[in-house]
Amino acid sequence: LWNVDLPDPSRAIRNICEAVDASLTPLEQSRYLHGQSAETGCQPAAP
């Protein structure tokens, strides 16, 4: 029996961004977002 409750990609990205508390660089966006909008990735924290 395998736990396969995998988040959808946008939820996974949000979870990762919250965990590392950082924005993705342009290189990271191209590497990990596979052509998705950069708006899907980590957004800078509000000042």
All heavy atoms as atom14 arrays in JSON, in Angstrom:
{
  "sequence": "LWNVDLPDPSRAIRNICEAVDASLTPLEQSRYLHGQSAETGCQPAAP",
  "atom14_mask": [
    [1, 1, 1, 1, 1, 1, 1, 1, 0, 0, 0, 0, 0, 0],
    [1, 1, 1, 1, 1, 1, 1, 1, 1, 1, 1, 1, 1, 1],
    [1, 1, 1, 1, 1, 1, 1, 1, 0, 0, 0, 0, 0, 0],
    [1, 1, 1, 1, 1, 1, 1, 0, 0, 0, 0, 0, 0, 0],
    [1, 1, 1, 1, 1, 1, 1, 1, 0, 0, 0, 0, 0, 0],
    [1, 1, 1, 1, 1, 1, 1, 1, 0, 0, 0, 0, 0, 0],
    [1, 1, 1, 1, 1, 1, 1, 0, 0, 0, 0, 0, 0, 0],
    [1, 1, 1, 1, 1, 1, 1, 1, 0, 0, 0, 0, 0, 0],
    [1, 1, 1, 1, 1, 1, 1, 0, 0, 0, 0, 0, 0, 0],
    [1, 1, 1, 1, 1, 1, 0, 0, 0, 0, 0, 0, 0, 0],
    [1, 1, 1, 1, 1, 1, 1, 1, 1, 1, 1, 0, 0, 0],
    [1, 1, 1, 1, 1, 0, 0, 0, 0, 0, 0, 0, 0, 0],
    [1, 1, 1, 1, 1, 1, 1, 1, 0, 0, 0, 0, 0, 0],
    [1, 1, 1, 1, 1, 1, 1, 1, 1, 1, 1, 0, 0, 0],
    [1, 1, 1, 1, 1, 1, 1, 1, 0, 0, 0, 0, 0, 0],
    [1, 1, 1, 1, 1, 1, 1, 1, 0, 0, 0, 0, 0, 0],
    [1, 1, 1, 1, 1, 1, 0, 0, 0, 0, 0, 0, 0, 0],
    [1, 1, 1, 1, 1, 1, 1, 1, 1, 0, 0, 0, 0, 0],
    [1, 1, 1, 1, 1, 0, 0, 0, 0, 0, 0, 0, 0, 0],
    [1, 1, 1, 1, 1, 1, 1, 0, 0, 0, 0, 0, 0, 0],
    [1, 1, 1, 1, 1, 1, 1, 1, 0, 0, 0, 0, 0, 0],
    [1, 1, 1, 1, 1, 0, 0, 0, 0, 0, 0, 0, 0, 0],
    [1, 1, 1, 1, 1, 1, 0, 0, 0, 0, 0, 0, 0, 0],
    [1, 1, 1, 1, 1, 1, 1, 1, 0, 0, 0, 0, 0, 0],
    [1, 1, 1, 1, 1, 1, 1, 0, 0, 0, 0, 0, 0, 0],
    [1, 1, 1, 1, 1, 1, 1, 0, 0, 0, 0, 0, 0, 0],
    [1, 1, 1, 1, 1, 1, 1, 1, 0, 0, 0, 0, 0, 0],
    [1, 1, 1, 1, 1, 1, 1, 1, 1, 0, 0, 0, 0, 0],
    [1, 1, 1, 1, 1, 1, 1, 1, 1, 0, 0, 0, 0, 0],
    [1, 1, 1, 1, 1, 1, 0, 0, 0, 0, 0, 0, 0, 0],
    [1, 1, 1, 1, 1, 1, 1, 1, 1, 1, 1, 0, 0, 0],
    [1, 1, 1, 1, 1, 1, 1, 1, 1, 1, 1, 1, 0, 0],
    [1, 1, 1, 1, 1, 1, 1, 1, 0, 0, 0, 0, 0, 0],
    [1, 1, 1, 1, 1, 1, 1, 1, 1, 1, 0, 0, 0, 0],
    [1, 1, 1, 1, 0, 0, 0, 0, 0, 0, 0, 0, 0, 0],
    [1, 1, 1, 1, 1, 1, 1, 1, 1, 0, 0, 0, 0, 0],
    [1, 1, 1, 1, 1, 1, 0, 0, 0, 0, 0, 0, 0, 0],
    [1, 1, 1, 1, 1, 0, 0, 0, 0, 0, 0, 0, 0, 0],
    [1, 1, 1, 1, 1, 1, 1, 1, 1, 0, 0, 0, 0, 0],
    [1, 1, 1, 1, 1, 1, 1, 0, 0, 0, 0, 0, 0, 0],
    [1, 1, 1, 1, 0, 0, 0, 0, 0, 0, 0, 0, 0, 0],
    [1, 1, 1, 1, 1, 1, 0, 0, 0, 0, 0, 0, 0, 0],
    [1, 1, 1, 1, 1, 1, 1, 1, 1, 0, 0, 0, 0, 0],
    [1, 1, 1, 1, 1, 1, 1, 0, 0, 0, 0, 0, 0, 0],
    [1, 1, 1, 1, 1, 0, 0, 0, 0, 0, 0, 0, 0, 0],
    [1, 1, 1, 1, 1, 0, 0, 0, 0, 0, 0, 0, 0, 0],
    [1, 1, 1, 1, 1, 1, 1, 0, 0, 0, 0, 0, 0, 0]
  ],
  "atom14_positions": [
    [[0.86, -1.18, 0.0], [0.0, 0.0, 0.0], [0.9, 1.23, 0.0], [1.78, 1.37, 0.85], [-0.92, 0.0, 1.21], [-1.91, -1.15, 1.3], [-2.7, -1.09, 2.59], [-2.84, -1.16, 0.1], [0.0, 0.0, 0.0], [0.0, 0.0, 0.0], [0.0, 0.0, 0.0], [0.0, 0.0, 0.0], [0.0, 0.0, 0.0], [0.0, 0.0, 0.0]],
    [[0.68, 2.12, -0.95], [1.5, 3.31, -1.13], [0.64, 4.55, -0.96], [-0.42, 4.65, -1.55], [2.1, 3.32, -2.53], [2.95, 2.14, -2.86], [2.52, 0.91, -3.3], [4.35, 2.05, -2.79], [3.59, 0.1, -3.5], [4.73, 0.77, -3.21], [5.36, 2.96, -2.44], [6.05, 0.35, -3.26], [6.68, 2.54, -2.49], [7.02, 1.25, -2.89]],
    [[1.15, 5.52, -0.16], [0.48, 6.81, -0.05], [0.83, 7.6, -1.3], [1.98, 7.95, -1.51], [0.95, 7.55, 1.2], [0.34, 8.93, 1.31], [-0.46, 9.35, 0.47], [0.71, 9.65, 2.35], [0.0, 0.0, 0.0], [0.0, 0.0, 0.0], [0.0, 0.0, 0.0], [0.0, 0.0, 0.0], [0.0, 0.0, 0.0], [0.0, 0.0, 0.0]],
    [[-0.16, 7.86, -2.14], [0.08, 8.58, -3.4], [-0.77, 9.86, -3.46], [-1.13, 10.31, -4.53], [-0.19, 7.69, -4.63], [0.83, 6.58, -4.72], [-1.6, 7.13, -4.62], [0.0, 0.0, 0.0], [0.0, 0.0, 0.0], [0.0, 0.0, 0.0], [0.0, 0.0, 0.0], [0.0, 0.0, 0.0], [0.0, 0.0, 0.0], [0.0, 0.0, 0.0]],
    [[-1.04, 10.43, -2.3], [-1.8, 11.67, -2.24], [-0.87, 12.8, -2.65], [-0.4, 13.57, -1.83], [-2.36, 11.88, -0.84], [-3.29, 13.08, -0.76], [-3.79, 13.51, -1.81], [-3.5, 13.58, 0.36], [0.0, 0.0, 0.0], [0.0, 0.0, 0.0], [0.0, 0.0, 0.0], [0.0, 0.0, 0.0], [0.0, 0.0, 0.0], [0.0, 0.0, 0.0]],
    [[-0.6, 12.88, -3.95], [0.31, 13.88, -4.48], [-0.44, 15.17, -4.76], [-1.51, 15.14, -5.36], [0.97, 13.38, -5.77], [1.73, 12.06, -5.65], [2.18, 11.59, -7.02], [2.92, 12.23, -4.72], [0.0, 0.0, 0.0], [0.0, 0.0, 0.0], [0.0, 0.0, 0.0], [0.0, 0.0, 0.0], [0.0, 0.0, 0.0], [0.0, 0.0, 0.0]],
    [[0.12, 16.3, -4.37], [-0.57, 17.56, -4.64], [-0.52, 17.88, -6.13], [0.37, 17.42, -6.84], [0.23, 18.58, -3.83], [1.59, 17.97, -3.72], [1.38, 16.48, -3.66], [0.0, 0.0, 0.0], [0.0, 0.0, 0.0], [0.0, 0.0, 0.0], [0.0, 0.0, 0.0], [0.0, 0.0, 0.0], [0.0, 0.0, 0.0], [0.0, 0.0, 0.0]],
    [[-1.47, 18.68, -6.57], [-1.39, 19.15, -7.95], [-0.15, 20.05, -8.04], [0.33, 20.56, -7.02], [-2.66, 19.89, -8.35], [-2.88, 21.15, -7.54], [-2.37, 22.21, -7.94], [-3.55, 21.07, -6.49], [0.0, 0.0, 0.0], [0.0, 0.0, 0.0], [0.0, 0.0, 0.0], [0.0, 0.0, 0.0], [0.0, 0.0, 0.0], [0.0, 0.0, 0.0]],
    [[0.41, 20.25, -9.23], [1.67, 21.01, -9.36], [1.62, 22.4, -8.74], [2.55, 22.81, -8.06], [1.89, 21.07, -10.87], [1.21, 19.86, -11.39], [0.0, 19.67, -10.51], [0.0, 0.0, 0.0], [0.0, 0.0, 0.0], [0.0, 0.0, 0.0], [0.0, 0.0, 0.0], [0.0, 0.0, 0.0], [0.0, 0.0, 0.0], [0.0, 0.0, 0.0]],
    [[0.53, 23.16, -8.93], [0.5, 24.52, -8.38], [0.48, 24.48, -6.85], [1.11, 25.31, -6.2], [-0.67, 25.31, -8.93], [-1.89, 24.7, -8.62], [0.0, 0.0, 0.0], [0.0, 0.0, 0.0], [0.0, 0.0, 0.0], [0.0, 0.0, 0.0], [0.0, 0.0, 0.0], [0.0, 0.0, 0.0], [0.0, 0.0, 0.0], [0.0, 0.0, 0.0]],
    [[-0.23, 23.51, -6.26], [-0.25, 23.4, -4.79], [1.12, 22.98, -4.28], [1.6, 23.49, -3.27], [-1.31, 22.39, -4.34], [-1.49, 22.41, -2.81], [-2.6, 21.49, -2.38], [-2.05, 20.15, -2.28], [-2.75, 19.07, -1.98], [-4.03, 19.15, -1.79], [-2.17, 17.9, -1.9], [0.0, 0.0, 0.0], [0.0, 0.0, 0.0], [0.0, 0.0, 0.0]],
    [[1.79, 22.07, -5.01], [3.13, 21.64, -4.6], [4.1, 22.82, -4.63], [4.9, 23.0, -3.71], [3.63, 20.53, -5.51], [0.0, 0.0, 0.0], [0.0, 0.0, 0.0], [0.0, 0.0, 0.0], [0.0, 0.0, 0.0], [0.0, 0.0, 0.0], [0.0, 0.0, 0.0], [0.0, 0.0, 0.0], [0.0, 0.0, 0.0], [0.0, 0.0, 0.0]],
    [[4.01, 23.65, -5.67], [4.89, 24.81, -5.77], [4.63, 25.77, -4.61], [5.57, 26.27, -3.97], [4.72, 25.51, -7.13], [5.27, 24.62, -8.24], [5.39, 26.88, -7.14], [4.87, 25.05, -9.63], [0.0, 0.0, 0.0], [0.0, 0.0, 0.0], [0.0, 0.0, 0.0], [0.0, 0.0, 0.0], [0.0, 0.0, 0.0], [0.0, 0.0, 0.0]],
    [[3.36, 26.02, -4.3], [3.04, 26.9, -3.16], [3.58, 26.34, -1.86], [4.15, 27.07, -1.04], [1.52, 27.1, -3.05], [0.95, 28.06, -4.06], [-0.49, 28.45, -3.71], [-1.37, 27.32, -3.47], [-2.04, 26.67, -4.43], [-1.92, 27.03, -5.69], [-2.83, 25.67, -4.12], [0.0, 0.0, 0.0], [0.0, 0.0, 0.0], [0.0, 0.0, 0.0]],
    [[3.45, 25.02, -1.65], [3.96, 24.4, -0.42], [5.48, 24.55, -0.32], [6.01, 24.84, 0.75], [3.58, 22.92, -0.36], [2.1, 22.7, -0.14], [1.36, 23.62, 0.21], [1.65, 21.49, -0.38], [0.0, 0.0, 0.0], [0.0, 0.0, 0.0], [0.0, 0.0, 0.0], [0.0, 0.0, 0.0], [0.0, 0.0, 0.0], [0.0, 0.0, 0.0]],
    [[6.16, 24.34, -1.44], [7.63, 24.48, -1.44], [8.02, 25.92, -1.16], [8.91, 26.19, -0.35], [8.21, 23.99, -2.78], [8.04, 22.48, -2.9], [9.68, 24.39, -2.91], [8.29, 21.94, -4.29], [0.0, 0.0, 0.0], [0.0, 0.0, 0.0], [0.0, 0.0, 0.0], [0.0, 0.0, 0.0], [0.0, 0.0, 0.0], [0.0, 0.0, 0.0]],
    [[7.36, 26.87, -1.81], [7.67, 28.29, -1.6], [7.48, 28.68, -0.14], [8.3, 29.39, 0.44], [6.81, 29.16, -2.5], [7.2, 28.98, -4.25], [0.0, 0.0, 0.0], [0.0, 0.0, 0.0], [0.0, 0.0, 0.0], [0.0, 0.0, 0.0], [0.0, 0.0, 0.0], [0.0, 0.0, 0.0], [0.0, 0.0, 0.0], [0.0, 0.0, 0.0]],
    [[6.38, 28.21, 0.46], [6.14, 28.5, 1.87], [7.21, 27.88, 2.76], [7.65, 28.49, 3.72], [4.76, 28.01, 2.28], [3.63, 28.82, 1.68], [2.26, 28.2, 1.94], [2.16, 27.2, 2.69], [1.28, 28.72, 1.37], [0.0, 0.0, 0.0], [0.0, 0.0, 0.0], [0.0, 0.0, 0.0], [0.0, 0.0, 0.0], [0.0, 0.0, 0.0]],
    [[7.66, 26.68, 2.41], [8.65, 26.0, 3.23], [10.01, 26.68, 3.18], [10.71, 26.78, 4.19], [8.79, 24.54, 2.8], [0.0, 0.0, 0.0], [0.0, 0.0, 0.0], [0.0, 0.0, 0.0], [0.0, 0.0, 0.0], [0.0, 0.0, 0.0], [0.0, 0.0, 0.0], [0.0, 0.0, 0.0], [0.0, 0.0, 0.0], [0.0, 0.0, 0.0]],
    [[10.41, 27.17, 2.0], [11.73, 27.79, 1.87], [11.67, 29.3, 2.01], [12.7, 29.95, 2.11], [12.42, 27.42, 0.53], [12.65, 25.94, 0.44], [11.66, 27.94, -0.66], [0.0, 0.0, 0.0], [0.0, 0.0, 0.0], [0.0, 0.0, 0.0], [0.0, 0.0, 0.0], [0.0, 0.0, 0.0], [0.0, 0.0, 0.0], [0.0, 0.0, 0.0]],
    [[10.45, 29.87, 2.0], [10.25, 31.3, 2.17], [11.13, 32.09, 1.19], [11.89, 32.97, 1.58], [10.53, 31.72, 3.62], [10.04, 33.13, 3.9], [9.08, 33.57, 3.25], [10.63, 33.79, 4.78], [0.0, 0.0, 0.0], [0.0, 0.0, 0.0], [0.0, 0.0, 0.0], [0.0, 0.0, 0.0], [0.0, 0.0, 0.0], [0.0, 0.0, 0.0]],
    [[11.04, 31.72, -0.09], [11.87, 32.4, -1.1], [11.16, 32.37, -2.45], [10.27, 31.57, -2.68], [13.21, 31.7, -1.21], [0.0, 0.0, 0.0], [0.0, 0.0, 0.0], [0.0, 0.0, 0.0], [0.0, 0.0, 0.0], [0.0, 0.0, 0.0], [0.0, 0.0, 0.0], [0.0, 0.0, 0.0], [0.0, 0.0, 0.0], [0.0, 0.0, 0.0]],
    [[11.6, 33.24, -3.33], [11.11, 33.26, -4.7], [11.98, 32.36, -5.55], [13.15, 32.14, -5.25], [11.2, 34.68, -5.27], [10.47, 35.57, -4.49], [0.0, 0.0, 0.0], [0.0, 0.0, 0.0], [0.0, 0.0, 0.0], [0.0, 0.0, 0.0], [0.0, 0.0, 0.0], [0.0, 0.0, 0.0], [0.0, 0.0, 0.0], [0.0, 0.0, 0.0]],
    [[11.41, 31.85, -6.64], [12.2, 31.08, -7.6], [12.92, 32.05, -8.53], [12.35, 33.03, -8.98], [11.3, 30.16, -8.42], [10.58, 29.04, -7.68], [9.69, 28.27, -8.65], [11.55, 28.11, -7.0], [0.0, 0.0, 0.0], [0.0, 0.0, 0.0], [0.0, 0.0, 0.0], [0.0, 0.0, 0.0], [0.0, 0.0, 0.0], [0.0, 0.0, 0.0]],
    [[14.17, 31.75, -8.82], [14.93, 32.55, -9.79], [14.41, 32.21, -11.18], [13.73, 31.19, -11.37], [16.43, 32.21, -9.72], [16.6, 30.86, -10.16], [16.98, 32.38, -8.31], [0.0, 0.0, 0.0], [0.0, 0.0, 0.0], [0.0, 0.0, 0.0], [0.0, 0.0, 0.0], [0.0, 0.0, 0.0], [0.0, 0.0, 0.0], [0.0, 0.0, 0.0]],
    [[14.73, 33.03, -12.19], [14.31, 32.69, -13.55], [14.81, 31.31, -13.99], [14.09, 30.57, -14.65], [14.92, 33.81, -14.39], [14.97, 34.98, -13.45], [15.32, 34.37, -12.11], [0.0, 0.0, 0.0], [0.0, 0.0, 0.0], [0.0, 0.0, 0.0], [0.0, 0.0, 0.0], [0.0, 0.0, 0.0], [0.0, 0.0, 0.0], [0.0, 0.0, 0.0]],
    [[16.04, 30.93, -13.62], [16.56, 29.61, -13.98], [15.74, 28.51, -13.3], [15.38, 27.52, -13.92], [18.03, 29.48, -13.59], [18.67, 28.11, -13.83], [18.63, 27.76, -15.33], [20.11, 28.1, -13.32], [0.0, 0.0, 0.0], [0.0, 0.0, 0.0], [0.0, 0.0, 0.0], [0.0, 0.0, 0.0], [0.0, 0.0, 0.0], [0.0, 0.0, 0.0]],
    [[15.42, 28.69, -12.02], [14.61, 27.7, -11.3], [13.21, 27.6, -11.91], [12.66, 26.51, -12.03], [14.52, 28.06, -9.82], [15.83, 27.9, -9.08], [15.82, 28.53, -7.7], [15.09, 29.51, -7.48], [16.55, 28.03, -6.83], [0.0, 0.0, 0.0], [0.0, 0.0, 0.0], [0.0, 0.0, 0.0], [0.0, 0.0, 0.0], [0.0, 0.0, 0.0]],
    [[12.64, 28.75, -12.3], [11.32, 28.73, -12.93], [11.35, 27.92, -14.21], [10.48, 27.08, -14.44], [10.84, 30.15, -13.22], [10.47, 30.91, -11.97], [10.04, 32.33, -12.26], [9.92, 32.73, -13.41], [9.8, 33.1, -11.23], [0.0, 0.0, 0.0], [0.0, 0.0, 0.0], [0.0, 0.0, 0.0], [0.0, 0.0, 0.0], [0.0, 0.0, 0.0]],
    [[12.36, 28.12, -15.05], [12.43, 27.37, -16.31], [12.69, 25.89, -16.05], [12.19, 25.04, -16.77], [13.5, 27.96, -17.24], [14.79, 27.75, -16.7], [0.0, 0.0, 0.0], [0.0, 0.0, 0.0], [0.0, 0.0, 0.0], [0.0, 0.0, 0.0], [0.0, 0.0, 0.0], [0.0, 0.0, 0.0], [0.0, 0.0, 0.0], [0.0, 0.0, 0.0]],
    [[13.45, 25.58, -15.02], [13.79, 24.19, -14.71], [12.61, 23.44, -14.1], [12.36, 22.29, -14.45], [14.97, 24.15, -13.76], [15.41, 22.72, -13.41], [16.63, 22.7, -12.53], [17.76, 23.21, -13.28], [18.87, 23.7, -12.72], [18.98, 23.75, -11.42], [19.84, 24.14, -13.46], [0.0, 0.0, 0.0], [0.0, 0.0, 0.0], [0.0, 0.0, 0.0]],
    [[11.87, 24.08, -13.21], [10.86, 23.36, -12.43], [9.42, 23.61, -12.86], [8.54, 22.82, -12.54], [11.0, 23.68, -10.94], [12.37, 23.35, -10.41], [13.18, 24.33, -9.87], [12.87, 22.06, -10.49], [14.44, 24.03, -9.4], [14.14, 21.75, -10.03], [14.92, 22.74, -9.48], [16.17, 22.44, -9.02], [0.0, 0.0, 0.0], [0.0, 0.0, 0.0]],
    [[9.15, 24.71, -13.54], [7.77, 25.01, -13.9], [7.4, 24.5, -15.29], [6.24, 24.55, -15.67], [7.51, 26.52, -13.82], [7.67, 27.12, -12.43], [7.34, 28.6, -12.46], [6.81, 26.41, -11.41], [0.0, 0.0, 0.0], [0.0, 0.0, 0.0], [0.0, 0.0, 0.0], [0.0, 0.0, 0.0], [0.0, 0.0, 0.0], [0.0, 0.0, 0.0]],
    [[8.37, 24.01, -16.05], [8.12, 23.37, -17.34], [7.18, 24.19, -18.22], [6.14, 23.7, -18.68], [7.56, 21.96, -17.15], [8.42, 21.1, -16.3], [9.64, 20.61, -16.72], [8.27, 20.66, -15.03], [10.18, 19.9, -15.76], [9.38, 19.91, -14.72], [0.0, 0.0, 0.0], [0.0, 0.0, 0.0], [0.0, 0.0, 0.0], [0.0, 0.0, 0.0]],
    [[7.52, 25.45, -18.44], [6.76, 26.27, -19.35], [5.5, 26.9, -18.76], [4.79, 27.6, -19.46], [0.0, 0.0, 0.0], [0.0, 0.0, 0.0], [0.0, 0.0, 0.0], [0.0, 0.0, 0.0], [0.0, 0.0, 0.0], [0.0, 0.0, 0.0], [0.0, 0.0, 0.0], [0.0, 0.0, 0.0], [0.0, 0.0, 0.0], [0.0, 0.0, 0.0]],
    [[5.22, 26.65, -17.49], [4.05, 27.27, -16.87], [4.36, 28.74, -16.6], [5.51, 29.15, -16.55], [3.72, 26.59, -15.54], [3.27, 25.16, -15.68], [2.97, 24.57, -14.33], [2.51, 25.26, -13.43], [3.21, 23.29, -14.17], [0.0, 0.0, 0.0], [0.0, 0.0, 0.0], [0.0, 0.0, 0.0], [0.0, 0.0, 0.0], [0.0, 0.0, 0.0]],
    [[3.35, 29.5, -16.39], [3.52, 30.91, -16.09], [4.33, 31.08, -14.81], [4.18, 30.32, -13.85], [2.14, 31.55, -15.9], [2.28, 32.82, -15.31], [0.0, 0.0, 0.0], [0.0, 0.0, 0.0], [0.0, 0.0, 0.0], [0.0, 0.0, 0.0], [0.0, 0.0, 0.0], [0.0, 0.0, 0.0], [0.0, 0.0, 0.0], [0.0, 0.0, 0.0]],
    [[5.17, 32.09, -14.79], [5.95, 32.38, -13.58], [5.04, 32.75, -12.43], [5.41, 32.62, -11.27], [6.94, 33.51, -13.85], [0.0, 0.0, 0.0], [0.0, 0.0, 0.0], [0.0, 0.0, 0.0], [0.0, 0.0, 0.0], [0.0, 0.0, 0.0], [0.0, 0.0, 0.0], [0.0, 0.0, 0.0], [0.0, 0.0, 0.0], [0.0, 0.0, 0.0]],
    [[3.81, 33.19, -12.74], [2.86, 33.51, -11.69], [2.46, 32.28, -10.89], [1.96, 32.38, -9.79], [1.63, 34.18, -12.29], [1.97, 35.52, -12.91], [0.91, 36.02, -13.85], [-0.14, 35.36, -13.99], [1.13, 37.07, -14.44], [0.0, 0.0, 0.0], [0.0, 0.0, 0.0], [0.0, 0.0, 0.0], [0.0, 0.0, 0.0], [0.0, 0.0, 0.0]],
    [[2.7, 31.09, -11.45], [2.41, 29.85, -10.75], [3.45, 29.62, -9.64], [3.19, 28.97, -8.66], [2.46, 28.65, -11.72], [1.58, 28.94, -12.79], [2.04, 27.36, -11.06], [0.0, 0.0, 0.0], [0.0, 0.0, 0.0], [0.0, 0.0, 0.0], [0.0, 0.0, 0.0], [0.0, 0.0, 0.0], [0.0, 0.0, 0.0], [0.0, 0.0, 0.0]],
    [[4.65, 30.17, -9.84], [5.75, 29.95, -8.92], [5.68, 30.82, -7.68], [4.67, 31.45, -7.4], [0.0, 0.0, 0.0], [0.0, 0.0, 0.0], [0.0, 0.0, 0.0], [0.0, 0.0, 0.0], [0.0, 0.0, 0.0], [0.0, 0.0, 0.0], [0.0, 0.0, 0.0], [0.0, 0.0, 0.0], [0.0, 0.0, 0.0], [0.0, 0.0, 0.0]],
    [[6.77, 30.87, -6.94], [6.84, 31.63, -5.72], [6.77, 33.13, -6.03], [7.41, 33.62, -6.96], [8.14, 31.34, -4.98], [8.36, 29.61, -4.54], [0.0, 0.0, 0.0], [0.0, 0.0, 0.0], [0.0, 0.0, 0.0], [0.0, 0.0, 0.0], [0.0, 0.0, 0.0], [0.0, 0.0, 0.0], [0.0, 0.0, 0.0], [0.0, 0.0, 0.0]],
    [[6.01, 33.82, -5.26], [5.91, 35.26, -5.4], [6.71, 35.92, -4.27], [6.75, 35.39, -3.16], [4.44, 35.7, -5.31], [3.58, 35.07, -6.39], [4.03, 35.44, -7.78], [4.28, 36.59, -8.08], [4.18, 34.44, -8.64], [0.0, 0.0, 0.0], [0.0, 0.0, 0.0], [0.0, 0.0, 0.0], [0.0, 0.0, 0.0], [0.0, 0.0, 0.0]],
    [[7.34, 37.04, -4.55], [8.07, 37.73, -3.48], [7.13, 38.08, -2.34], [5.96, 38.4, -2.56], [8.61, 39.0, -4.16], [8.49, 38.75, -5.63], [7.39, 37.74, -5.82], [0.0, 0.0, 0.0], [0.0, 0.0, 0.0], [0.0, 0.0, 0.0], [0.0, 0.0, 0.0], [0.0, 0.0, 0.0], [0.0, 0.0, 0.0], [0.0, 0.0, 0.0]],
    [[7.65, 38.01, -1.13], [6.85, 38.36, 0.05], [6.54, 39.84, 0.02], [7.35, 40.66, -0.42], [7.6, 37.98, 1.31], [0.0, 0.0, 0.0], [0.0, 0.0, 0.0], [0.0, 0.0, 0.0], [0.0, 0.0, 0.0], [0.0, 0.0, 0.0], [0.0, 0.0, 0.0], [0.0, 0.0, 0.0], [0.0, 0.0, 0.0], [0.0, 0.0, 0.0]],
    [[5.37, 40.19, 0.5], [4.98, 41.61, 0.56], [5.84, 42.3, 1.62], [6.13, 41.73, 2.66], [3.51, 41.72, 0.9], [0.0, 0.0, 0.0], [0.0, 0.0, 0.0], [0.0, 0.0, 0.0], [0.0, 0.0, 0.0], [0.0, 0.0, 0.0], [0.0, 0.0, 0.0], [0.0, 0.0, 0.0], [0.0, 0.0, 0.0], [0.0, 0.0, 0.0]],
    [[6.25, 43.57, 1.34], [7.11, 44.28, 2.32], [6.37, 44.62, 3.59], [5.22, 44.68, 3.71], [7.54, 45.53, 1.58], [6.68, 45.66, 0.37], [6.0, 44.34, 0.17], [0.0, 0.0, 0.0], [0.0, 0.0, 0.0], [0.0, 0.0, 0.0], [0.0, 0.0, 0.0], [0.0, 0.0, 0.0], [0.0, 0.0, 0.0], [0.0, 0.0, 0.0]]
  ]
}
